[in-house]
Amino acid sequence: MVNKVKVILLSRVRKLGNRGDVVFVQKGYFRNYLSKFRFADTFSEKLLSEVKSVNQSSNDVNFQKYFDILNDKSIFLGKEASGNEVLYAAIRATDIVKEIEKDFNIKIPTKNIIINQPMKRLGLFKIEVDCNKAACLNVYIGRSVEEAKKMSLVKPTEEKKVIDEKKTTEEKKGENNE
């Protein structure tokens, strides 16, 4: 524990903790990243009580309300795609924010949308919305909103069967053309 320092997180840090958590981290990680970008500060009882009192504020009540509304919900996007189900333009956080605002009447900052993998194909993607704890949101992307909604009705095992059937029929067509 010689190289570790006790810190208080001032905001949610992915894979480390939420705002107000007290954690031990490497000195270099704290100095070069957490402190530099104001994600954490060195531990003190005074700072801990300040952070805990701020967590009780109305802002957290709003985030909790957002978490309750968004967790395990789905949004549907219709985007243009090529014949092999690749989108012409990847889905960005701003697209998701606009759709959340339209569907749920909630304004969330773009920085609170966490996209773990690039969304460049049609199908289902799971993203996180940072509301001081991560809300999981399903994003269905189809060529139209109706197609995306149909995707949500197909069970994951059935969806895999449908994709496999498409591939085999395309392969058969390719063999017949030769």
N, C-alpha and C. Protein backbone atom coordinates (compact mmCIF):
# COMPACT_ATOMS: atom_id res chain seq x y z
N MET A 1 0.82 -1.20 0.00
CA MET A 1 0.00 0.00 0.00
C MET A 1 0.86 1.27 0.00
N VAL A 2 2.17 1.11 -0.21
CA VAL A 2 3.07 2.26 -0.22
C VAL A 2 2.77 3.17 -1.40
N ASN A 3 2.46 2.60 -2.56
CA ASN A 3 2.22 3.40 -3.76
C ASN A 3 0.76 3.80 -3.92
N LYS A 4 -0.08 3.51 -2.94
CA LYS A 4 -1.50 3.82 -3.07
C LYS A 4 -1.87 5.01 -2.21
N VAL A 5 -2.89 5.73 -2.67
CA VAL A 5 -3.37 6.90 -1.95
C VAL A 5 -4.90 6.77 -1.80
N LYS A 6 -5.41 7.26 -0.68
CA LYS A 6 -6.85 7.20 -0.40
C LYS A 6 -7.50 8.47 -0.96
N VAL A 7 -8.50 8.27 -1.85
CA VAL A 7 -9.14 9.42 -2.50
C VAL A 7 -10.65 9.33 -2.40
N ILE A 8 -11.30 10.46 -2.60
CA ILE A 8 -12.76 10.54 -2.69
C ILE A 8 -13.11 10.89 -4.12
N LEU A 9 -14.01 10.12 -4.70
CA LEU A 9 -14.42 10.39 -6.08
C LEU A 9 -15.40 11.55 -6.11
N LEU A 10 -15.12 12.52 -6.97
CA LEU A 10 -15.99 13.70 -7.10
C LEU A 10 -17.04 13.52 -8.19
N SER A 11 -16.86 12.50 -9.02
CA SER A 11 -17.85 12.14 -10.03
C SER A 11 -17.71 10.65 -10.30
N ARG A 12 -18.63 10.10 -11.03
CA ARG A 12 -18.60 8.66 -11.34
C ARG A 12 -17.43 8.38 -12.26
N VAL A 13 -16.62 7.40 -11.89
CA VAL A 13 -15.49 6.98 -12.71
C VAL A 13 -15.73 5.52 -13.04
N ARG A 14 -15.78 5.24 -14.31
CA ARG A 14 -16.09 3.90 -14.78
C ARG A 14 -15.06 2.89 -14.26
N LYS A 15 -15.55 1.76 -13.80
CA LYS A 15 -14.75 0.66 -13.25
C LYS A 15 -14.02 1.02 -11.97
N LEU A 16 -14.38 2.15 -11.35
CA LEU A 16 -13.74 2.54 -10.10
C LEU A 16 -14.78 2.81 -9.02
N GLY A 17 -15.82 3.59 -9.34
CA GLY A 17 -16.84 3.85 -8.33
C GLY A 17 -17.70 5.05 -8.68
N ASN A 18 -18.63 5.34 -7.78
CA ASN A 18 -19.56 6.45 -7.96
C ASN A 18 -19.11 7.66 -7.15
N ARG A 19 -19.78 8.77 -7.38
CA ARG A 19 -19.49 10.01 -6.66
C ARG A 19 -19.63 9.76 -5.16
N GLY A 20 -18.63 10.20 -4.39
CA GLY A 20 -18.67 10.06 -2.94
C GLY A 20 -18.01 8.80 -2.42
N ASP A 21 -17.64 7.88 -3.28
CA ASP A 21 -16.97 6.65 -2.85
C ASP A 21 -15.53 6.96 -2.45
N VAL A 22 -15.06 6.27 -1.41
CA VAL A 22 -13.68 6.39 -0.97
C VAL A 22 -12.95 5.15 -1.46
N VAL A 23 -11.88 5.35 -2.25
CA VAL A 23 -11.15 4.23 -2.85
C VAL A 23 -9.64 4.45 -2.71
N PHE A 24 -8.89 3.36 -2.83
CA PHE A 24 -7.44 3.42 -2.89
C PHE A 24 -7.01 3.25 -4.33
N VAL A 25 -6.15 4.15 -4.82
CA VAL A 25 -5.66 4.08 -6.19
C VAL A 25 -4.15 4.33 -6.19
N GLN A 26 -3.50 3.96 -7.29
CA GLN A 26 -2.08 4.22 -7.46
C GLN A 26 -1.84 5.74 -7.48
N LYS A 27 -0.71 6.15 -6.90
CA LYS A 27 -0.39 7.58 -6.85
C LYS A 27 -0.33 8.20 -8.24
N GLY A 28 0.28 7.51 -9.18
CA GLY A 28 0.40 8.04 -10.54
C GLY A 28 -0.95 8.19 -11.22
N TYR A 29 -1.85 7.21 -11.01
CA TYR A 29 -3.20 7.28 -11.59
C TYR A 29 -3.93 8.48 -11.03
N PHE A 30 -3.79 8.70 -9.72
CA PHE A 30 -4.44 9.85 -9.10
C PHE A 30 -3.85 11.15 -9.63
N ARG A 31 -2.53 11.25 -9.63
CA ARG A 31 -1.86 12.48 -10.02
C ARG A 31 -2.08 12.82 -11.50
N ASN A 32 -1.96 11.80 -12.37
CA ASN A 32 -1.99 12.06 -13.81
C ASN A 32 -3.38 12.07 -14.43
N TYR A 33 -4.35 11.45 -13.76
CA TYR A 33 -5.67 11.36 -14.38
C TYR A 33 -6.78 11.89 -13.47
N LEU A 34 -6.95 11.27 -12.30
CA LEU A 34 -8.10 11.62 -11.45
C LEU A 34 -8.04 13.07 -10.97
N SER A 35 -6.89 13.49 -10.48
CA SER A 35 -6.75 14.84 -9.98
C SER A 35 -6.74 15.86 -11.12
N LYS A 36 -6.05 15.53 -12.19
CA LYS A 36 -5.91 16.44 -13.32
C LYS A 36 -7.26 16.82 -13.93
N PHE A 37 -8.15 15.84 -14.04
CA PHE A 37 -9.47 16.08 -14.64
C PHE A 37 -10.57 16.28 -13.60
N ARG A 38 -10.17 16.47 -12.34
CA ARG A 38 -11.10 16.75 -11.23
C ARG A 38 -12.13 15.63 -11.02
N PHE A 39 -11.69 14.38 -11.19
CA PHE A 39 -12.55 13.24 -10.90
C PHE A 39 -12.44 12.82 -9.45
N ALA A 40 -11.35 13.20 -8.77
CA ALA A 40 -11.14 12.79 -7.38
C ALA A 40 -10.25 13.81 -6.68
N ASP A 41 -10.30 13.73 -5.33
CA ASP A 41 -9.44 14.57 -4.50
C ASP A 41 -8.96 13.72 -3.34
N THR A 42 -7.87 14.13 -2.70
CA THR A 42 -7.35 13.35 -1.58
C THR A 42 -8.37 13.31 -0.45
N PHE A 43 -8.35 12.23 0.29
CA PHE A 43 -9.34 11.99 1.34
C PHE A 43 -9.15 12.95 2.51
N SER A 44 -10.27 13.50 2.97
CA SER A 44 -10.35 14.22 4.24
C SER A 44 -11.80 14.11 4.72
N GLU A 45 -11.98 14.08 6.02
CA GLU A 45 -13.34 13.97 6.59
C GLU A 45 -14.21 15.15 6.17
N LYS A 46 -13.62 16.34 6.11
CA LYS A 46 -14.38 17.55 5.73
C LYS A 46 -14.90 17.42 4.30
N LEU A 47 -14.01 17.01 3.38
CA LEU A 47 -14.42 16.84 1.98
C LEU A 47 -15.46 15.74 1.84
N LEU A 48 -15.29 14.67 2.61
CA LEU A 48 -16.26 13.57 2.57
C LEU A 48 -17.65 14.06 2.97
N SER A 49 -17.74 14.84 4.03
CA SER A 49 -19.05 15.35 4.47
C SER A 49 -19.63 16.32 3.43
N GLU A 50 -18.78 17.12 2.78
CA GLU A 50 -19.26 18.04 1.73
C GLU A 50 -19.83 17.26 0.54
N VAL A 51 -19.10 16.24 0.11
CA VAL A 51 -19.53 15.44 -1.04
C VAL A 51 -20.83 14.71 -0.71
N LYS A 52 -20.92 14.16 0.49
CA LYS A 52 -22.15 13.45 0.89
C LYS A 52 -23.34 14.40 0.95
N SER A 53 -23.14 15.63 1.43
CA SER A 53 -24.25 16.58 1.50
C SER A 53 -24.69 17.02 0.10
N VAL A 54 -23.75 17.17 -0.81
CA VAL A 54 -24.10 17.53 -2.19
C VAL A 54 -24.85 16.38 -2.85
N ASN A 55 -24.49 15.14 -2.51
CA ASN A 55 -25.18 13.97 -3.08
C ASN A 55 -26.65 13.94 -2.67
N GLN A 56 -26.99 14.57 -1.56
CA GLN A 56 -28.37 14.59 -1.09
C GLN A 56 -29.21 15.66 -1.80
N SER A 57 -28.58 16.46 -2.65
CA SER A 57 -29.24 17.61 -3.27
C SER A 57 -30.30 17.17 -4.28
N SER A 58 -31.03 18.13 -4.78
CA SER A 58 -32.11 17.85 -5.75
C SER A 58 -31.57 17.34 -7.07
N ASN A 59 -30.31 17.67 -7.41
CA ASN A 59 -29.72 17.17 -8.64
C ASN A 59 -29.70 15.65 -8.65
N ASP A 60 -29.35 15.04 -7.54
CA ASP A 60 -29.35 13.58 -7.45
C ASP A 60 -30.76 13.02 -7.52
N VAL A 61 -31.73 13.77 -7.00
CA VAL A 61 -33.12 13.32 -7.10
C VAL A 61 -33.51 13.23 -8.57
N ASN A 62 -33.10 14.24 -9.38
CA ASN A 62 -33.39 14.21 -10.81
C ASN A 62 -32.71 13.03 -11.48
N PHE A 63 -31.42 12.79 -11.14
CA PHE A 63 -30.71 11.67 -11.73
C PHE A 63 -31.36 10.35 -11.35
N GLN A 64 -31.83 10.23 -10.12
CA GLN A 64 -32.51 8.99 -9.71
C GLN A 64 -33.79 8.82 -10.51
N LYS A 65 -34.51 9.92 -10.74
CA LYS A 65 -35.72 9.87 -11.55
C LYS A 65 -35.38 9.44 -12.98
N TYR A 66 -34.30 10.00 -13.53
CA TYR A 66 -33.86 9.61 -14.87
C TYR A 66 -33.48 8.14 -14.92
N PHE A 67 -32.78 7.66 -13.89
CA PHE A 67 -32.38 6.25 -13.82
C PHE A 67 -33.61 5.36 -13.83
N ASP A 68 -34.61 5.71 -13.01
CA ASP A 68 -35.83 4.91 -12.93
C ASP A 68 -36.56 4.88 -14.27
N ILE A 69 -36.56 5.99 -15.00
CA ILE A 69 -37.25 6.05 -16.29
C ILE A 69 -36.49 5.29 -17.37
N LEU A 70 -35.17 5.41 -17.40
CA LEU A 70 -34.39 4.89 -18.52
C LEU A 70 -33.89 3.46 -18.35
N ASN A 71 -33.75 2.98 -17.13
CA ASN A 71 -33.13 1.67 -16.93
C ASN A 71 -33.97 0.56 -17.57
N ASP A 72 -33.32 -0.28 -18.38
CA ASP A 72 -33.92 -1.42 -19.09
C ASP A 72 -35.03 -1.01 -20.06
N LYS A 73 -34.94 0.19 -20.61
CA LYS A 73 -35.88 0.64 -21.63
C LYS A 73 -35.21 0.53 -23.00
N SER A 74 -35.99 0.74 -24.05
CA SER A 74 -35.48 0.63 -25.42
C SER A 74 -35.81 1.89 -26.21
N ILE A 75 -34.90 2.23 -27.14
CA ILE A 75 -35.18 3.27 -28.11
C ILE A 75 -34.96 2.66 -29.49
N PHE A 76 -35.65 3.23 -30.47
CA PHE A 76 -35.64 2.67 -31.82
C PHE A 76 -35.19 3.75 -32.80
N LEU A 77 -34.18 3.42 -33.60
CA LEU A 77 -33.65 4.36 -34.58
C LEU A 77 -33.77 3.78 -35.97
N GLY A 78 -34.19 4.60 -36.91
CA GLY A 78 -34.22 4.20 -38.31
C GLY A 78 -33.12 4.94 -39.06
N LYS A 79 -32.19 4.19 -39.64
CA LYS A 79 -31.06 4.80 -40.36
C LYS A 79 -30.84 4.08 -41.67
N GLU A 80 -30.26 4.77 -42.64
CA GLU A 80 -29.96 4.17 -43.94
C GLU A 80 -28.78 3.22 -43.80
N ALA A 81 -28.90 2.07 -44.49
CA ALA A 81 -27.84 1.07 -44.43
C ALA A 81 -27.66 0.44 -45.79
N SER A 82 -26.48 -0.13 -45.99
CA SER A 82 -26.19 -0.82 -47.25
C SER A 82 -26.85 -2.20 -47.24
N GLY A 83 -26.71 -2.94 -48.32
CA GLY A 83 -27.32 -4.25 -48.43
C GLY A 83 -26.79 -5.26 -47.42
N ASN A 84 -25.55 -5.10 -46.98
CA ASN A 84 -25.00 -6.04 -46.00
C ASN A 84 -25.13 -5.53 -44.57
N GLU A 85 -26.14 -4.73 -44.31
CA GLU A 85 -26.54 -4.25 -42.98
C GLU A 85 -25.51 -3.35 -42.29
N VAL A 86 -24.68 -2.67 -43.05
CA VAL A 86 -23.72 -1.72 -42.50
C VAL A 86 -24.30 -0.32 -42.69
N LEU A 87 -24.32 0.46 -41.61
CA LEU A 87 -24.86 1.81 -41.68
C LEU A 87 -23.93 2.72 -42.48
N TYR A 88 -24.53 3.69 -43.18
CA TYR A 88 -23.73 4.65 -43.93
C TYR A 88 -23.02 5.62 -42.97
N ALA A 89 -23.62 5.89 -41.83
CA ALA A 89 -23.00 6.74 -40.81
C ALA A 89 -23.25 6.10 -39.44
N ALA A 90 -22.22 6.02 -38.63
CA ALA A 90 -22.34 5.40 -37.30
C ALA A 90 -23.26 6.24 -36.41
N ILE A 91 -23.88 5.57 -35.46
CA ILE A 91 -24.73 6.25 -34.48
C ILE A 91 -23.83 6.88 -33.44
N ARG A 92 -24.08 8.15 -33.12
CA ARG A 92 -23.29 8.88 -32.15
C ARG A 92 -24.11 9.15 -30.90
N ALA A 93 -23.46 9.63 -29.87
CA ALA A 93 -24.13 9.95 -28.62
C ALA A 93 -25.18 11.04 -28.82
N THR A 94 -24.93 11.99 -29.72
CA THR A 94 -25.90 13.06 -29.97
C THR A 94 -27.20 12.50 -30.55
N ASP A 95 -27.09 11.46 -31.41
CA ASP A 95 -28.30 10.83 -31.95
C ASP A 95 -29.13 10.20 -30.84
N ILE A 96 -28.44 9.56 -29.91
CA ILE A 96 -29.14 8.89 -28.80
C ILE A 96 -29.78 9.91 -27.87
N VAL A 97 -29.06 11.02 -27.59
CA VAL A 97 -29.61 12.07 -26.74
C VAL A 97 -30.89 12.64 -27.34
N LYS A 98 -30.88 12.89 -28.66
CA LYS A 98 -32.07 13.42 -29.34
C LYS A 98 -33.24 12.45 -29.23
N GLU A 99 -32.97 11.16 -29.39
CA GLU A 99 -34.03 10.16 -29.32
C GLU A 99 -34.58 10.03 -27.90
N ILE A 100 -33.71 10.09 -26.90
CA ILE A 100 -34.16 10.05 -25.50
C ILE A 100 -35.03 11.26 -25.20
N GLU A 101 -34.62 12.42 -25.69
CA GLU A 101 -35.40 13.64 -25.46
C GLU A 101 -36.77 13.53 -26.13
N LYS A 102 -36.79 12.97 -27.34
CA LYS A 102 -38.05 12.83 -28.07
C LYS A 102 -38.98 11.80 -27.41
N ASP A 103 -38.43 10.65 -27.02
CA ASP A 103 -39.25 9.56 -26.49
C ASP A 103 -39.63 9.74 -25.02
N PHE A 104 -38.70 10.26 -24.20
CA PHE A 104 -38.93 10.29 -22.75
C PHE A 104 -39.02 11.70 -22.17
N ASN A 105 -38.86 12.74 -22.99
CA ASN A 105 -38.87 14.14 -22.53
C ASN A 105 -37.84 14.40 -21.44
N ILE A 106 -36.65 13.85 -21.62
CA ILE A 106 -35.56 14.03 -20.66
C ILE A 106 -34.37 14.62 -21.40
N LYS A 107 -33.80 15.67 -20.83
CA LYS A 107 -32.59 16.25 -21.41
C LYS A 107 -31.39 15.73 -20.62
N ILE A 108 -30.55 14.98 -21.31
CA ILE A 108 -29.35 14.42 -20.69
C ILE A 108 -28.14 14.93 -21.46
N PRO A 109 -27.09 15.33 -20.77
CA PRO A 109 -25.89 15.78 -21.48
C PRO A 109 -25.28 14.65 -22.30
N THR A 110 -24.71 15.00 -23.44
CA THR A 110 -24.10 14.01 -24.33
C THR A 110 -22.98 13.24 -23.63
N LYS A 111 -22.27 13.88 -22.72
CA LYS A 111 -21.16 13.22 -22.03
C LYS A 111 -21.63 12.08 -21.13
N ASN A 112 -22.92 12.04 -20.81
CA ASN A 112 -23.44 10.98 -19.95
C ASN A 112 -23.81 9.71 -20.71
N ILE A 113 -23.70 9.73 -22.03
CA ILE A 113 -23.97 8.55 -22.85
C ILE A 113 -22.66 7.78 -23.03
N ILE A 114 -22.65 6.53 -22.61
CA ILE A 114 -21.45 5.71 -22.69
C ILE A 114 -21.69 4.61 -23.73
N ILE A 115 -20.98 4.72 -24.85
CA ILE A 115 -21.10 3.74 -25.93
C ILE A 115 -19.87 2.85 -25.87
N ASN A 116 -20.08 1.56 -25.58
CA ASN A 116 -18.97 0.63 -25.40
C ASN A 116 -18.40 0.11 -26.71
N GLN A 117 -19.20 0.06 -27.73
CA GLN A 117 -18.75 -0.45 -29.03
C GLN A 117 -19.33 0.43 -30.12
N PRO A 118 -18.63 0.57 -31.25
CA PRO A 118 -19.16 1.41 -32.32
C PRO A 118 -20.45 0.83 -32.88
N MET A 119 -21.42 1.70 -33.11
CA MET A 119 -22.71 1.27 -33.64
C MET A 119 -22.73 1.56 -35.13
N LYS A 120 -22.23 0.60 -35.92
CA LYS A 120 -22.10 0.78 -37.36
C LYS A 120 -22.91 -0.23 -38.15
N ARG A 121 -23.70 -1.05 -37.46
CA ARG A 121 -24.50 -2.08 -38.12
C ARG A 121 -25.94 -2.02 -37.63
N LEU A 122 -26.83 -2.65 -38.37
CA LEU A 122 -28.21 -2.79 -37.92
C LEU A 122 -28.24 -3.81 -36.78
N GLY A 123 -29.17 -3.66 -35.86
CA GLY A 123 -29.32 -4.64 -34.79
C GLY A 123 -29.48 -4.00 -33.43
N LEU A 124 -29.25 -4.80 -32.40
CA LEU A 124 -29.42 -4.38 -31.00
C LEU A 124 -28.07 -4.02 -30.40
N PHE A 125 -28.02 -2.89 -29.71
CA PHE A 125 -26.83 -2.47 -28.98
C PHE A 125 -27.25 -2.07 -27.57
N LYS A 126 -26.44 -2.40 -26.60
CA LYS A 126 -26.69 -2.00 -25.22
C LYS A 126 -25.71 -0.89 -24.88
N ILE A 127 -26.25 0.22 -24.38
CA ILE A 127 -25.41 1.34 -23.97
C ILE A 127 -25.72 1.68 -22.53
N GLU A 128 -24.88 2.51 -21.94
CA GLU A 128 -25.10 2.96 -20.57
C GLU A 128 -25.38 4.45 -20.57
N VAL A 129 -26.29 4.85 -19.69
CA VAL A 129 -26.56 6.26 -19.48
C VAL A 129 -26.13 6.55 -18.05
N ASP A 130 -25.18 7.46 -17.88
CA ASP A 130 -24.61 7.76 -16.57
C ASP A 130 -25.54 8.70 -15.81
N CYS A 131 -26.23 8.16 -14.82
CA CYS A 131 -27.11 8.95 -13.94
C CYS A 131 -26.60 8.79 -12.50
N ASN A 132 -25.31 9.00 -12.28
CA ASN A 132 -24.59 8.72 -11.04
C ASN A 132 -24.54 7.22 -10.75
N LYS A 133 -25.29 6.44 -11.44
CA LYS A 133 -25.10 5.00 -11.56
C LYS A 133 -25.58 4.67 -12.96
N ALA A 134 -25.09 3.61 -13.52
CA ALA A 134 -25.32 3.35 -14.94
C ALA A 134 -26.69 2.74 -15.18
N ALA A 135 -27.48 3.39 -16.02
CA ALA A 135 -28.75 2.84 -16.49
C ALA A 135 -28.49 2.16 -17.82
N CYS A 136 -28.98 0.95 -17.98
CA CYS A 136 -28.77 0.21 -19.22
C CYS A 136 -29.92 0.54 -20.17
N LEU A 137 -29.58 0.88 -21.40
CA LEU A 137 -30.57 1.27 -22.40
C LEU A 137 -30.34 0.44 -23.65
N ASN A 138 -31.38 -0.16 -24.19
CA ASN A 138 -31.28 -0.95 -25.42
C ASN A 138 -31.54 -0.03 -26.61
N VAL A 139 -30.67 -0.11 -27.61
CA VAL A 139 -30.81 0.70 -28.82
C VAL A 139 -30.99 -0.27 -29.99
N TYR A 140 -32.17 -0.23 -30.60
CA TYR A 140 -32.43 -1.06 -31.78
C TYR A 140 -32.29 -0.17 -33.01
N ILE A 141 -31.47 -0.61 -33.95
CA ILE A 141 -31.24 0.16 -35.17
C ILE A 141 -31.73 -0.66 -36.35
N GLY A 142 -32.65 -0.07 -37.12
CA GLY A 142 -33.17 -0.71 -38.33
C GLY A 142 -33.16 0.29 -39.47
N ARG A 143 -33.57 -0.17 -40.65
CA ARG A 143 -33.64 0.75 -41.80
C ARG A 143 -34.77 1.75 -41.62
N SER A 144 -35.75 1.38 -40.79
CA SER A 144 -36.82 2.29 -40.42
C SER A 144 -37.13 2.04 -38.95
N VAL A 145 -37.87 2.95 -38.34
CA VAL A 145 -38.25 2.78 -36.94
C VAL A 145 -39.12 1.53 -36.78
N GLU A 146 -40.00 1.27 -37.77
CA GLU A 146 -40.86 0.09 -37.70
C GLU A 146 -40.03 -1.19 -37.73
N GLU A 147 -39.00 -1.23 -38.58
CA GLU A 147 -38.13 -2.41 -38.64
C GLU A 147 -37.39 -2.59 -37.31
N ALA A 148 -36.95 -1.50 -36.70
CA ALA A 148 -36.27 -1.57 -35.41
C ALA A 148 -37.20 -2.09 -34.33
N LYS A 149 -38.47 -1.68 -34.38
CA LYS A 149 -39.44 -2.17 -33.39
C LYS A 149 -39.71 -3.66 -33.59
N LYS A 150 -39.73 -4.12 -34.84
CA LYS A 150 -39.90 -5.56 -35.10
C LYS A 150 -38.73 -6.35 -34.53
N MET A 151 -37.51 -5.78 -34.60
CA MET A 151 -36.34 -6.45 -34.04
C MET A 151 -36.51 -6.70 -32.55
N SER A 152 -37.16 -5.77 -31.86
CA SER A 152 -37.32 -5.92 -30.41
C SER A 152 -38.28 -7.05 -30.06
N LEU A 153 -39.14 -7.44 -31.00
CA LEU A 153 -40.08 -8.51 -30.74
C LEU A 153 -39.48 -9.89 -30.95
N VAL A 154 -38.36 -9.95 -31.68
CA VAL A 154 -37.70 -11.22 -31.96
C VAL A 154 -36.79 -11.56 -30.79
N LYS A 155 -36.88 -12.79 -30.30
CA LYS A 155 -36.02 -13.22 -29.20
C LYS A 155 -34.60 -13.35 -29.73
N PRO A 156 -33.58 -13.15 -28.86
CA PRO A 156 -32.19 -13.21 -29.32
C PRO A 156 -31.83 -14.50 -30.05
N THR A 157 -32.33 -15.65 -29.60
CA THR A 157 -32.00 -16.91 -30.28
C THR A 157 -32.67 -16.95 -31.65
N GLU A 158 -33.91 -16.44 -31.72
CA GLU A 158 -34.62 -16.38 -33.01
C GLU A 158 -33.92 -15.42 -33.95
N GLU A 159 -33.43 -14.29 -33.40
CA GLU A 159 -32.73 -13.29 -34.22
C GLU A 159 -31.50 -13.92 -34.86
N LYS A 160 -30.77 -14.74 -34.09
CA LYS A 160 -29.58 -15.39 -34.63
C LYS A 160 -29.98 -16.36 -35.74
N LYS A 161 -31.11 -17.09 -35.54
CA LYS A 161 -31.58 -18.01 -36.57
C LYS A 161 -31.93 -17.25 -37.85
N VAL A 162 -32.60 -16.11 -37.72
CA VAL A 162 -33.00 -15.31 -38.87
C VAL A 162 -31.76 -14.84 -39.63
N ILE A 163 -30.75 -14.36 -38.89
CA ILE A 163 -29.51 -13.90 -39.53
C ILE A 163 -28.83 -15.07 -40.24
N ASP A 164 -28.75 -16.25 -39.58
CA ASP A 164 -28.13 -17.42 -40.19
C ASP A 164 -28.88 -17.86 -41.44
N GLU A 165 -30.24 -17.81 -41.38
CA GLU A 165 -31.05 -18.19 -42.55
C GLU A 165 -30.78 -17.25 -43.72
N LYS A 166 -30.65 -15.95 -43.44
CA LYS A 166 -30.35 -14.97 -44.49
C LYS A 166 -29.02 -15.30 -45.15
N LYS A 167 -28.03 -15.63 -44.33
CA LYS A 167 -26.71 -15.94 -44.88
C LYS A 167 -26.75 -17.18 -45.75
N THR A 168 -27.47 -18.22 -45.31
CA THR A 168 -27.51 -19.46 -46.09
C THR A 168 -28.26 -19.25 -47.39
N THR A 169 -29.35 -18.48 -47.38
CA THR A 169 -30.08 -18.23 -48.62
C THR A 169 -29.25 -17.39 -49.58
N GLU A 170 -28.47 -16.43 -49.05
CA GLU A 170 -27.59 -15.63 -49.91
C GLU A 170 -26.49 -16.50 -50.52
N GLU A 171 -25.97 -17.44 -49.72
CA GLU A 171 -24.93 -18.35 -50.22
C GLU A 171 -25.49 -19.24 -51.33
N LYS A 172 -26.73 -19.75 -51.12
CA LYS A 172 -27.37 -20.59 -52.14
C LYS A 172 -27.59 -19.80 -53.42
N LYS A 173 -28.01 -18.56 -53.32
CA LYS A 173 -28.21 -17.72 -54.49
C LYS A 173 -26.90 -17.54 -55.24
N GLY A 174 -25.83 -17.33 -54.47
CA GLY A 174 -24.51 -17.16 -55.07
C GLY A 174 -24.07 -18.41 -55.81
N GLU A 175 -24.37 -19.60 -55.27
CA GLU A 175 -24.03 -20.87 -55.92
C GLU A 175 -24.85 -21.07 -57.19
N ASN A 176 -26.12 -20.69 -57.16
CA ASN A 176 -27.00 -20.85 -58.32
C ASN A 176 -26.59 -19.93 -59.46
N ASN A 177 -26.07 -18.75 -59.14
CA ASN A 177 -25.66 -17.79 -60.16
C ASN A 177 -24.38 -18.23 -60.88
N GLU A 178 -23.59 -19.08 -60.23
CA GLU A 178 -22.32 -19.51 -60.83
C GLU A 178 -22.49 -20.54 -61.84
